[in-house]
Amino acid sequence: MIIIEDAAEAHGARINNKMVGNLGDISCFSFYANKVLTSGEGGMVCTNNKKYYKRVNLLKNLGFSKPRFVHKVLAYNFRMSGIQAALGLSQLKEIEKIIMKKILIQKKYKKYLNGLKFIKFANEEKNSRNVYWQVGIRIKNRSKNKLVNYLKKNNVETRSFFYSIRNQPCLKNLIPKKVPETLNSNILWKEGIYLPSSHDLKTSDIKKICDLIKKFFK
């Protein structure tokens, strides 16, 4: 079995003191604009397997092989531009500083929202590091959508957690109907939202957002 590790938002994260991206045969990272490390768009595939490396390189480069302009397989243009690569490399030097800012932002949200029984933060696992690409909270026993709309009216942008695979239209027919709605992925999708989490977010902005959330739950 080949294990493909989805590490899209986990740049610099650790599980049991092991860096995320080393847990599978292939790992995938995203460089979209809201990620810890960004080049504006695109991503990266990592592997120590030469066979997989050659295959991925072929698929991302229009299937080009030797001689040039001979397409060995049907493929795509997933090549990163030089400008995007330069942007990503410049941020790589600062990644630990960015992660520390992200962790501090999460701690501030947790501090200012402490005591609200309807809000739950992610558990912090021993010997692991969450890089908090975005600060996520669960809204328990209350309407998530009402809070999202309330914050939007007050010029605070939020976003729901990702849809569960079960609820993706393109995959729905591939999922057995007996899969229960009580799966963690379904619960998190229904209850979770991401709060503003830019590493440049000011403490005053975090306090303002938390004050609005407290006001909503009064």
C-alpha atoms as a PDB file:
ATOM      1  CA  MET A   1       0.000   0.000   0.000  1.00  0.00           C
ATOM      2  CA  ILE A   2       1.294   3.443  -0.980  1.00  0.00           C
ATOM      3  CA  ILE A   3       0.584   6.118   1.638  1.00  0.00           C
ATOM      4  CA  ILE A   4      -0.009   9.645   0.311  1.00  0.00           C
ATOM      5  CA  GLU A   5       0.176  12.122   3.189  1.00  0.00           C
ATOM      6  CA  ASP A   6      -2.036  15.214   2.968  1.00  0.00           C
ATOM      7  CA  ALA A   7       0.069  17.874   4.707  1.00  0.00           C
ATOM      8  CA  ALA A   8      -1.486  20.802   2.833  1.00  0.00           C
ATOM      9  CA  GLU A   9      -1.683  23.167   5.831  1.00  0.00           C
ATOM     10  CA  ALA A  10       0.939  21.555   8.063  1.00  0.00           C
ATOM     11  CA  HIS A  11       4.251  23.207   7.123  1.00  0.00           C
ATOM     12  CA  GLY A  12       6.485  22.820  10.185  1.00  0.00           C
ATOM     13  CA  ALA A  13       3.988  20.756  12.207  1.00  0.00           C
ATOM     14  CA  ARG A  14       5.136  17.733  14.209  1.00  0.00           C
ATOM     15  CA  ILE A  15       3.489  14.503  15.381  1.00  0.00           C
ATOM     16  CA  ASN A  16       5.299  12.552  18.111  1.00  0.00           C
ATOM     17  CA  ASN A  17       8.308  14.817  17.531  1.00  0.00           C
ATOM     18  CA  LYS A  18       8.441  13.765  13.861  1.00  0.00           C
ATOM     19  CA  MET A  19       8.076  16.427  11.182  1.00  0.00           C
ATOM     20  CA  VAL A  20       4.855  16.165   9.197  1.00  0.00           C
ATOM     21  CA  GLY A  21       5.675  15.226   5.613  1.00  0.00           C
ATOM     22  CA  ASN A  22       7.784  12.232   6.658  1.00  0.00           C
ATOM     23  CA  LEU A  23       4.881   9.951   7.544  1.00  0.00           C
ATOM     24  CA  GLY A  24       4.040   8.569   4.094  1.00  0.00           C
ATOM     25  CA  ASP A  25       5.613   7.492   0.807  1.00  0.00           C
ATOM     26  CA  ILE A  26       4.525  10.778  -0.751  1.00  0.00           C
ATOM     27  CA  SER A  27       3.555  14.011   1.008  1.00  0.00           C
ATOM     28  CA  CYS A  28       1.705  16.999  -0.436  1.00  0.00           C
ATOM     29  CA  PHE A  29       1.926  20.629   0.731  1.00  0.00           C
ATOM     30  CA  SER A  30      -0.106  23.615  -0.438  1.00  0.00           C
ATOM     31  CA  PHE A  31       1.371  27.070  -1.090  1.00  0.00           C
ATOM     32  CA  TYR A  32      -1.980  28.837  -1.448  1.00  0.00           C
ATOM     33  CA  ALA A  33      -2.180  32.400  -0.101  1.00  0.00           C
ATOM     34  CA  ASN A  34      -3.618  31.516   3.330  1.00  0.00           C
ATOM     35  CA  LYS A  35      -1.096  28.788   4.165  1.00  0.00           C
ATOM     36  CA  VAL A  36       1.811  29.083   6.635  1.00  0.00           C
ATOM     37  CA  LEU A  37       4.222  29.181   3.693  1.00  0.00           C
ATOM     38  CA  THR A  38       2.905  30.648   0.445  1.00  0.00           C
ATOM     39  CA  SER A  39       4.016  31.328  -3.106  1.00  0.00           C
ATOM     40  CA  GLY A  40       0.599  32.766  -3.984  1.00  0.00           C
ATOM     41  CA  GLU A  41      -0.667  29.488  -5.445  1.00  0.00           C
ATOM     42  CA  GLY A  42       0.503  25.979  -6.226  1.00  0.00           C
ATOM     43  CA  GLY A  43       2.093  23.374  -4.001  1.00  0.00           C
ATOM     44  CA  MET A  44       4.805  20.782  -3.526  1.00  0.00           C
ATOM     45  CA  VAL A  45       5.066  16.984  -3.639  1.00  0.00           C
ATOM     46  CA  CYS A  46       7.819  15.340  -1.569  1.00  0.00           C
ATOM     47  CA  THR A  47       9.143  11.779  -1.788  1.00  0.00           C
ATOM     48  CA  ASN A  48      12.341   9.812  -1.217  1.00  0.00           C
ATOM     49  CA  ASN A  49      11.309   7.259  -3.850  1.00  0.00           C
ATOM     50  CA  LYS A  50      13.017   7.834  -7.235  1.00  0.00           C
ATOM     51  CA  LYS A  51      10.268   6.021  -9.132  1.00  0.00           C
ATOM     52  CA  TYR A  52       7.525   8.217  -7.639  1.00  0.00           C
ATOM     53  CA  TYR A  53       9.665  11.334  -8.141  1.00  0.00           C
ATOM     54  CA  LYS A  54      10.111  10.637 -11.856  1.00  0.00           C
ATOM     55  CA  ARG A  55       6.394   9.924 -12.249  1.00  0.00           C
ATOM     56  CA  VAL A  56       5.317  13.132 -10.490  1.00  0.00           C
ATOM     57  CA  ASN A  57       7.868  15.161 -12.456  1.00  0.00           C
ATOM     58  CA  LEU A  58       6.470  13.705 -15.683  1.00  0.00           C
ATOM     59  CA  LEU A  59       2.851  14.441 -14.763  1.00  0.00           C
ATOM     60  CA  LYS A  60       3.498  18.060 -13.714  1.00  0.00           C
ATOM     61  CA  ASN A  61       5.532  18.857 -16.835  1.00  0.00           C
ATOM     62  CA  LEU A  62       3.056  18.065 -19.640  1.00  0.00           C
ATOM     63  CA  GLY A  63       4.358  14.500 -19.854  1.00  0.00           C
ATOM     64  CA  PHE A  64       7.547  15.700 -21.590  1.00  0.00           C
ATOM     65  CA  SER A  65      10.290  13.121 -22.010  1.00  0.00           C
ATOM     66  CA  LYS A  66      13.340  12.722 -24.237  1.00  0.00           C
ATOM     67  CA  PRO A  67      13.549  13.698 -27.040  1.00  0.00           C
ATOM     68  CA  ARG A  68      12.048  17.070 -26.149  1.00  0.00           C
ATOM     69  CA  PHE A  69       8.376  17.720 -26.946  1.00  0.00           C
ATOM     70  CA  VAL A  70       7.589  14.014 -26.962  1.00  0.00           C
ATOM     71  CA  HIS A  71       4.678  13.434 -24.596  1.00  0.00           C
ATOM     72  CA  LYS A  72       5.164  10.062 -22.929  1.00  0.00           C
ATOM     73  CA  VAL A  73       1.806  10.255 -21.078  1.00  0.00           C
ATOM     74  CA  LEU A  74      -1.229  12.527 -20.956  1.00  0.00           C
ATOM     75  CA  ALA A  75      -0.321  15.053 -18.276  1.00  0.00           C
ATOM     76  CA  TYR A  76      -0.698  18.630 -17.025  1.00  0.00           C
ATOM     77  CA  ASN A  77       1.129  21.917 -16.625  1.00  0.00           C
ATOM     78  CA  PHE A  78       1.720  22.179 -12.873  1.00  0.00           C
ATOM     79  CA  ARG A  79       5.108  23.863 -13.200  1.00  0.00           C
ATOM     80  CA  MET A  80       5.962  26.555 -10.675  1.00  0.00           C
ATOM     81  CA  SER A  81       7.281  29.834 -12.082  1.00  0.00           C
ATOM     82  CA  GLY A  82      10.652  31.236 -11.053  1.00  0.00           C
ATOM     83  CA  ILE A  83       8.945  34.190  -9.350  1.00  0.00           C
ATOM     84  CA  GLN A  84       6.736  31.875  -7.279  1.00  0.00           C
ATOM     85  CA  ALA A  85       9.741  29.764  -6.297  1.00  0.00           C
ATOM     86  CA  ALA A  86      11.694  32.865  -5.231  1.00  0.00           C
ATOM     87  CA  LEU A  87       8.762  34.033  -3.093  1.00  0.00           C
ATOM     88  CA  GLY A  88       8.474  30.624  -1.436  1.00  0.00           C
ATOM     89  CA  LEU A  89      12.206  30.328  -0.755  1.00  0.00           C
ATOM     90  CA  SER A  90      12.313  33.797   0.803  1.00  0.00           C
ATOM     91  CA  GLN A  91       9.570  32.771   3.239  1.00  0.00           C
ATOM     92  CA  LEU A  92      11.234  29.447   4.023  1.00  0.00           C
ATOM     93  CA  LYS A  93      13.981  31.391   5.816  1.00  0.00           C
ATOM     94  CA  GLU A  94      11.336  32.974   8.066  1.00  0.00           C
ATOM     95  CA  ILE A  95       9.092  29.946   8.602  1.00  0.00           C
ATOM     96  CA  GLU A  96       9.883  29.485  12.314  1.00  0.00           C
ATOM     97  CA  LYS A  97       9.102  33.155  13.009  1.00  0.00           C
ATOM     98  CA  ILE A  98       5.812  32.821  11.116  1.00  0.00           C
ATOM     99  CA  ILE A  99       4.885  29.651  13.030  1.00  0.00           C
ATOM    100  CA  MET A 100       5.641  31.302  16.388  1.00  0.00           C
ATOM    101  CA  LYS A 101       3.356  34.205  15.435  1.00  0.00           C
ATOM    102  CA  LYS A 102       0.607  31.749  14.455  1.00  0.00           C
ATOM    103  CA  ILE A 103       0.909  29.886  17.765  1.00  0.00           C
ATOM    104  CA  LEU A 104       0.787  33.179  19.704  1.00  0.00           C
ATOM    105  CA  ILE A 105      -2.364  34.247  17.832  1.00  0.00           C
ATOM    106  CA  GLN A 106      -4.059  30.977  18.786  1.00  0.00           C
ATOM    107  CA  LYS A 107      -3.070  31.448  22.445  1.00  0.00           C
ATOM    108  CA  LYS A 108      -4.557  34.959  22.443  1.00  0.00           C
ATOM    109  CA  TYR A 109      -7.855  33.747  20.979  1.00  0.00           C
ATOM    110  CA  LYS A 110      -7.976  30.985  23.586  1.00  0.00           C
ATOM    111  CA  LYS A 111      -7.223  33.474  26.375  1.00  0.00           C
ATOM    112  CA  TYR A 112      -9.827  36.062  25.338  1.00  0.00           C
ATOM    113  CA  LEU A 113     -12.553  33.459  24.681  1.00  0.00           C
ATOM    114  CA  ASN A 114     -11.872  31.529  27.873  1.00  0.00           C
ATOM    115  CA  GLY A 115     -15.038  30.678  29.768  1.00  0.00           C
ATOM    116  CA  LEU A 116     -17.410  30.515  26.793  1.00  0.00           C
ATOM    117  CA  LYS A 117     -18.926  27.055  27.223  1.00  0.00           C
ATOM    118  CA  PHE A 118     -20.245  26.909  23.650  1.00  0.00           C
ATOM    119  CA  ILE A 119     -16.765  27.214  22.116  1.00  0.00           C
ATOM    120  CA  LYS A 120     -14.175  24.441  21.902  1.00  0.00           C
ATOM    121  CA  PHE A 121     -10.604  24.697  20.619  1.00  0.00           C
ATOM    122  CA  ALA A 122      -8.504  21.854  19.199  1.00  0.00           C
ATOM    123  CA  ASN A 123      -6.805  19.625  21.757  1.00  0.00           C
ATOM    124  CA  GLU A 124      -3.054  20.066  22.132  1.00  0.00           C
ATOM    125  CA  GLU A 125      -1.377  16.668  21.822  1.00  0.00           C
ATOM    126  CA  LYS A 126       1.770  15.785  23.771  1.00  0.00           C
ATOM    127  CA  ASN A 127       5.056  15.704  21.790  1.00  0.00           C
ATOM    128  CA  SER A 128       3.325  17.324  18.805  1.00  0.00           C
ATOM    129  CA  ARG A 129       3.198  20.840  17.366  1.00  0.00           C
ATOM    130  CA  ASN A 130       0.139  22.397  15.764  1.00  0.00           C
ATOM    131  CA  VAL A 131       1.172  25.333  13.551  1.00  0.00           C
ATOM    132  CA  TYR A 132      -2.377  26.789  13.503  1.00  0.00           C
ATOM    133  CA  TRP A 133      -2.437  27.769   9.838  1.00  0.00           C
ATOM    134  CA  GLN A 134      -5.867  29.065  10.843  1.00  0.00           C
ATOM    135  CA  VAL A 135      -7.422  29.211  14.315  1.00  0.00           C
ATOM    136  CA  GLY A 136     -10.401  26.860  14.299  1.00  0.00           C
ATOM    137  CA  ILE A 137     -13.194  26.673  16.866  1.00  0.00           C
ATOM    138  CA  ARG A 138     -16.229  24.430  17.298  1.00  0.00           C
ATOM    139  CA  ILE A 139     -19.598  25.978  18.101  1.00  0.00           C
ATOM    140  CA  LYS A 140     -21.350  23.399  20.277  1.00  0.00           C
ATOM    141  CA  ASN A 141     -25.128  23.356  20.800  1.00  0.00           C
ATOM    142  CA  ARG A 142     -25.570  26.654  18.977  1.00  0.00           C
ATOM    143  CA  SER A 143     -26.023  27.788  15.369  1.00  0.00           C
ATOM    144  CA  LYS A 144     -22.677  28.179  13.657  1.00  0.00           C
ATOM    145  CA  ASN A 145     -24.257  29.961  10.694  1.00  0.00           C
ATOM    146  CA  LYS A 146     -25.867  32.623  12.888  1.00  0.00           C
ATOM    147  CA  LEU A 147     -22.472  33.467  14.398  1.00  0.00           C
ATOM    148  CA  VAL A 148     -20.844  33.562  10.949  1.00  0.00           C
ATOM    149  CA  ASN A 149     -23.526  35.965   9.676  1.00  0.00           C
ATOM    150  CA  TYR A 150     -23.276  38.123  12.811  1.00  0.00           C
ATOM    151  CA  LEU A 151     -19.506  38.466  12.428  1.00  0.00           C
ATOM    152  CA  LYS A 152     -19.886  39.206   8.717  1.00  0.00           C
ATOM    153  CA  LYS A 153     -22.279  42.072   9.497  1.00  0.00           C
ATOM    154  CA  ASN A 154     -19.560  43.440  11.763  1.00  0.00           C
ATOM    155  CA  ASN A 155     -16.908  43.194   9.024  1.00  0.00           C
ATOM    156  CA  VAL A 156     -15.210  40.059  10.378  1.00  0.00           C
ATOM    157  CA  GLU A 157     -14.614  37.394   7.743  1.00  0.00           C
ATOM    158  CA  THR A 158     -14.753  33.746   8.835  1.00  0.00           C
ATOM    159  CA  ARG A 159     -14.929  30.432   7.018  1.00  0.00           C
ATOM    160  CA  SER A 160     -16.506  27.082   7.736  1.00  0.00           C
ATOM    161  CA  PHE A 161     -14.403  23.959   8.180  1.00  0.00           C
ATOM    162  CA  PHE A 162     -13.955  21.827   5.068  1.00  0.00           C
ATOM    163  CA  TYR A 163     -16.886  19.755   3.849  1.00  0.00           C
ATOM    164  CA  SER A 164     -16.568  16.096   4.756  1.00  0.00           C
ATOM    165  CA  ILE A 165     -15.781  13.722   1.875  1.00  0.00           C
ATOM    166  CA  ARG A 166     -19.195  12.141   2.418  1.00  0.00           C
ATOM    167  CA  ASN A 167     -20.828  15.451   1.466  1.00  0.00           C
ATOM    168  CA  GLN A 168     -18.754  16.196  -1.629  1.00  0.00           C
ATOM    169  CA  PRO A 169     -21.086  15.859  -4.670  1.00  0.00           C
ATOM    170  CA  CYS A 170     -18.362  14.410  -6.916  1.00  0.00           C
ATOM    171  CA  LEU A 171     -17.627  11.619  -4.418  1.00  0.00           C
ATOM    172  CA  LYS A 172     -21.024  11.003  -2.866  1.00  0.00           C
ATOM    173  CA  ASN A 173     -21.829   8.008  -5.077  1.00  0.00           C
ATOM    174  CA  LEU A 174     -18.527   6.371  -4.124  1.00  0.00           C
ATOM    175  CA  ILE A 175     -19.180   6.497  -0.372  1.00  0.00           C
ATOM    176  CA  PRO A 176     -21.180   3.596   1.123  1.00  0.00           C
ATOM    177  CA  LYS A 177     -24.581   4.757   2.370  1.00  0.00           C
ATOM    178  CA  LYS A 178     -24.001   2.968   5.659  1.00  0.00           C
ATOM    179  CA  VAL A 179     -21.256   5.460   6.612  1.00  0.00           C
ATOM    180  CA  PRO A 180     -22.733   7.212   9.687  1.00  0.00           C
ATOM    181  CA  GLU A 181     -23.449  10.926   9.932  1.00  0.00           C
ATOM    182  CA  THR A 182     -21.769  10.868  13.335  1.00  0.00           C
ATOM    183  CA  LEU A 183     -18.278  10.584  11.861  1.00  0.00           C
ATOM    184  CA  ASN A 184     -15.904  13.215  13.279  1.00  0.00           C
ATOM    185  CA  SER A 185     -15.506  14.774   9.815  1.00  0.00           C
ATOM    186  CA  ASN A 186     -19.265  15.375   9.575  1.00  0.00           C
ATOM    187  CA  ILE A 187     -19.479  16.794  13.094  1.00  0.00           C
ATOM    188  CA  LEU A 188     -16.552  19.154  12.536  1.00  0.00           C
ATOM    189  CA  TRP A 189     -17.914  20.330   9.185  1.00  0.00           C
ATOM    190  CA  LYS A 190     -21.246  21.207  10.789  1.00  0.00           C
ATOM    191  CA  GLU A 191     -19.837  22.880  13.911  1.00  0.00           C
ATOM    192  CA  GLY A 192     -16.469  24.359  12.932  1.00  0.00           C
ATOM    193  CA  ILE A 193     -15.377  27.806  11.753  1.00  0.00           C
ATOM    194  CA  TYR A 194     -11.993  29.398  11.129  1.00  0.00           C
ATOM    195  CA  LEU A 195     -11.326  32.830  12.646  1.00  0.00           C
ATOM    196  CA  PRO A 196      -9.075  35.492  11.046  1.00  0.00           C
ATOM    197  CA  SER A 197      -5.535  34.164  11.442  1.00  0.00           C
ATOM    198  CA  SER A 198      -3.040  36.205   9.421  1.00  0.00           C
ATOM    199  CA  HIS A 199       0.377  36.159  11.088  1.00  0.00           C
ATOM    200  CA  ASP A 200       0.250  39.978  10.939  1.00  0.00           C
ATOM    201  CA  LEU A 201      -3.017  40.113  12.919  1.00  0.00           C
ATOM    202  CA  LYS A 202      -2.793  42.685  15.732  1.00  0.00           C
ATOM    203  CA  THR A 203      -3.746  41.971  19.343  1.00  0.00           C
ATOM    204  CA  SER A 204      -6.325  44.776  19.141  1.00  0.00           C
ATOM    205  CA  ASP A 205      -7.988  43.012  16.187  1.00  0.00           C
ATOM    206  CA  ILE A 206      -8.104  39.704  18.075  1.00  0.00           C
ATOM    207  CA  LYS A 207      -9.687  41.431  21.096  1.00  0.00           C
ATOM    208  CA  LYS A 208     -12.285  43.084  18.857  1.00  0.00           C
ATOM    209  CA  ILE A 209     -13.233  39.749  17.270  1.00  0.00           C
ATOM    210  CA  CYS A 210     -13.430  38.026  20.661  1.00  0.00           C
ATOM    211  CA  ASP A 211     -15.572  40.846  22.090  1.00  0.00           C
ATOM    212  CA  LEU A 212     -18.019  40.403  19.210  1.00  0.00           C
ATOM    213  CA  ILE A 213     -18.203  36.644  19.818  1.00  0.00           C
ATOM    214  CA  LYS A 214     -18.813  37.215  23.541  1.00  0.00           C
ATOM    215  CA  LYS A 215     -21.528  39.741  22.736  1.00  0.00           C
ATOM    216  CA  PHE A 216     -23.195  37.258  20.376  1.00  0.00           C
ATOM    217  CA  PHE A 217     -23.374  34.561  23.059  1.00  0.00           C
ATOM    218  CA  LYS A 218     -24.796  36.853  25.782  1.00  0.00           C
END
